[in-house]
Protein backbone atom coordinates (compact mmCIF):
# COMPACT_ATOMS: atom_id res chain seq x y z
CA MET A 1 40.66 -30.84 43.81
CA ALA A 2 38.39 -33.89 43.63
CA ILE A 3 38.69 -36.44 40.85
CA GLY A 4 36.47 -35.51 37.93
CA GLN A 5 36.40 -31.84 38.91
CA ASP A 6 38.98 -30.73 36.32
CA SER A 7 37.83 -28.24 33.74
CA ARG A 8 37.57 -29.44 30.13
CA CYS A 9 39.49 -26.30 29.20
CA ASP A 10 42.64 -27.77 30.79
CA SER A 11 42.98 -30.22 27.90
CA CYS A 12 41.23 -28.32 25.08
CA VAL A 13 42.96 -27.15 21.90
CA PHE A 14 41.13 -23.81 21.95
CA ALA A 15 41.83 -22.90 25.58
CA ARG A 16 44.38 -20.45 26.88
CA VAL A 17 44.77 -21.09 30.60
CA ILE A 18 46.87 -18.79 32.76
CA ARG A 19 47.46 -20.01 36.32
CA GLY A 20 48.93 -18.29 39.34
CA TYR A 21 50.33 -19.93 42.43
CA SER A 22 47.01 -20.39 44.24
CA GLU A 23 43.86 -22.17 43.09
CA SER A 24 41.98 -18.88 42.77
CA GLU A 25 44.58 -17.38 40.42
CA CYS A 26 43.38 -18.76 37.12
CA ILE A 27 42.29 -17.00 33.93
CA THR A 28 40.77 -19.14 31.18
CA LEU A 29 40.24 -17.77 27.67
CA CYS A 30 38.47 -19.64 24.87
CA ASP A 31 39.90 -18.94 21.41
CA ARG A 32 37.26 -20.99 19.55
CA LEU A 33 35.32 -17.88 18.61
CA TYR A 34 36.67 -14.97 16.58
CA GLU A 35 37.22 -12.95 19.74
CA ALA A 36 38.52 -14.86 22.74
CA ILE A 37 36.08 -14.88 25.62
CA ARG A 38 36.90 -15.25 29.31
CA ILE A 39 35.43 -18.31 31.03
CA PRO A 40 34.99 -17.49 34.75
CA PHE A 41 34.13 -21.07 35.87
CA LYS A 42 35.32 -24.66 35.42
CA VAL A 43 33.78 -26.22 32.34
CA ARG A 44 32.14 -29.64 32.65
CA GLU A 45 30.98 -29.99 29.04
CA CYS A 46 31.63 -28.04 25.83
CA SER A 47 30.24 -28.67 22.33
CA ASP A 48 33.43 -27.36 20.65
CA TYR A 49 35.84 -29.37 22.82
CA ILE A 50 38.82 -30.95 21.04
CA ASP A 51 41.28 -32.84 23.23
CA LYS A 52 44.80 -31.51 22.65
CA ARG A 53 46.27 -34.71 24.10
CA LEU A 54 45.08 -36.71 21.08
CA PRO A 55 46.98 -36.58 17.78
CA ARG A 56 45.47 -34.61 14.91
CA ILE A 57 44.81 -36.34 11.57
CA GLU A 58 47.26 -34.00 9.85
CA HIS A 59 50.04 -35.09 12.22
CA LEU A 60 49.23 -38.77 11.66
CA GLU A 61 49.36 -38.28 7.89
CA ASP A 62 52.75 -36.55 8.21
CA ILE A 63 54.30 -39.47 10.08
CA ALA A 64 52.58 -42.28 8.13
CA TRP A 65 54.65 -44.62 6.01
CA ILE A 66 53.86 -44.90 2.32
CA ILE A 67 53.82 -48.59 1.38
CA ARG A 68 54.17 -49.43 -2.27
CA SER A 69 53.46 -52.81 -3.82
CA LYS A 70 55.99 -54.42 -6.13
CA SER A 71 53.21 -56.14 -8.08
CA ALA A 72 51.08 -54.09 -10.41
CA GLY A 73 47.42 -54.09 -9.47
CA HIS A 74 47.99 -55.37 -5.91
CA ARG A 75 47.53 -53.16 -2.90
CA ALA A 76 50.17 -53.09 -0.22
CA GLY A 77 49.46 -53.16 3.49
CA PHE A 78 46.67 -54.82 5.40
CA SER A 79 43.62 -56.28 3.73
CA ARG A 80 40.14 -56.87 5.06
CA GLY A 81 39.25 -60.42 6.03
CA ALA A 82 36.51 -60.70 3.40
CA VAL A 83 38.86 -59.54 0.65
CA ALA A 84 41.59 -61.94 1.74
CA SER A 85 39.20 -64.90 1.95
CA ALA A 86 37.69 -64.06 -1.47
CA GLU A 87 41.15 -63.99 -3.00
CA GLY A 88 41.96 -67.29 -1.30
CA GLU A 89 38.76 -68.90 -2.62
CA ALA A 90 39.52 -67.67 -6.13
CA SER A 91 42.98 -69.26 -6.04
CA GLU A 92 41.49 -72.53 -4.69
CA GLU A 93 38.96 -72.67 -7.53
CA THR A 94 41.66 -72.32 -10.16
CA SER A 95 43.74 -75.18 -8.73
CA ASN A 96 43.06 -78.67 -10.15
CA GLU A 97 43.44 -80.45 -6.80
CA SER A 98 40.36 -82.04 -5.30
CA PRO A 99 39.67 -81.15 -1.67
CA ASP A 100 40.33 -83.73 1.05
CA GLU A 101 36.88 -83.23 2.54
CA ILE A 102 33.64 -82.17 0.93
CA PRO A 103 31.79 -79.58 3.01
CA ALA A 104 28.46 -80.81 4.42
CA VAL A 105 26.46 -78.15 2.58
CA ALA A 106 28.00 -79.10 -0.76
CA ALA A 107 27.46 -82.82 -0.13
CA GLU A 108 23.74 -82.32 0.56
CA SER A 109 23.18 -80.36 -2.64
CA GLU A 110 24.82 -82.99 -4.88
């Protein structure tokens, strides 16, 4: 079989594929609908296709770690860059130290 000639049903969640020993011995049933229908050809594209090789969100939620913060009001885990930089700027503003360099934009406005 040529590369790219595989049927989408081979890796679909809704497919039931029964293969014999030769290439012509193949029955493909689609369970997406209420009644399974027989697909007599190789499928190139399907609007209801879901790849069974990829993990489902339910499975990912089952294996996910729950991270708890020891500090009240702080979130545990990763933070977005904008949130982290905003928190860093807030802590810099509260410190009484003067900066070593004055940014060019701030120097022009003074």
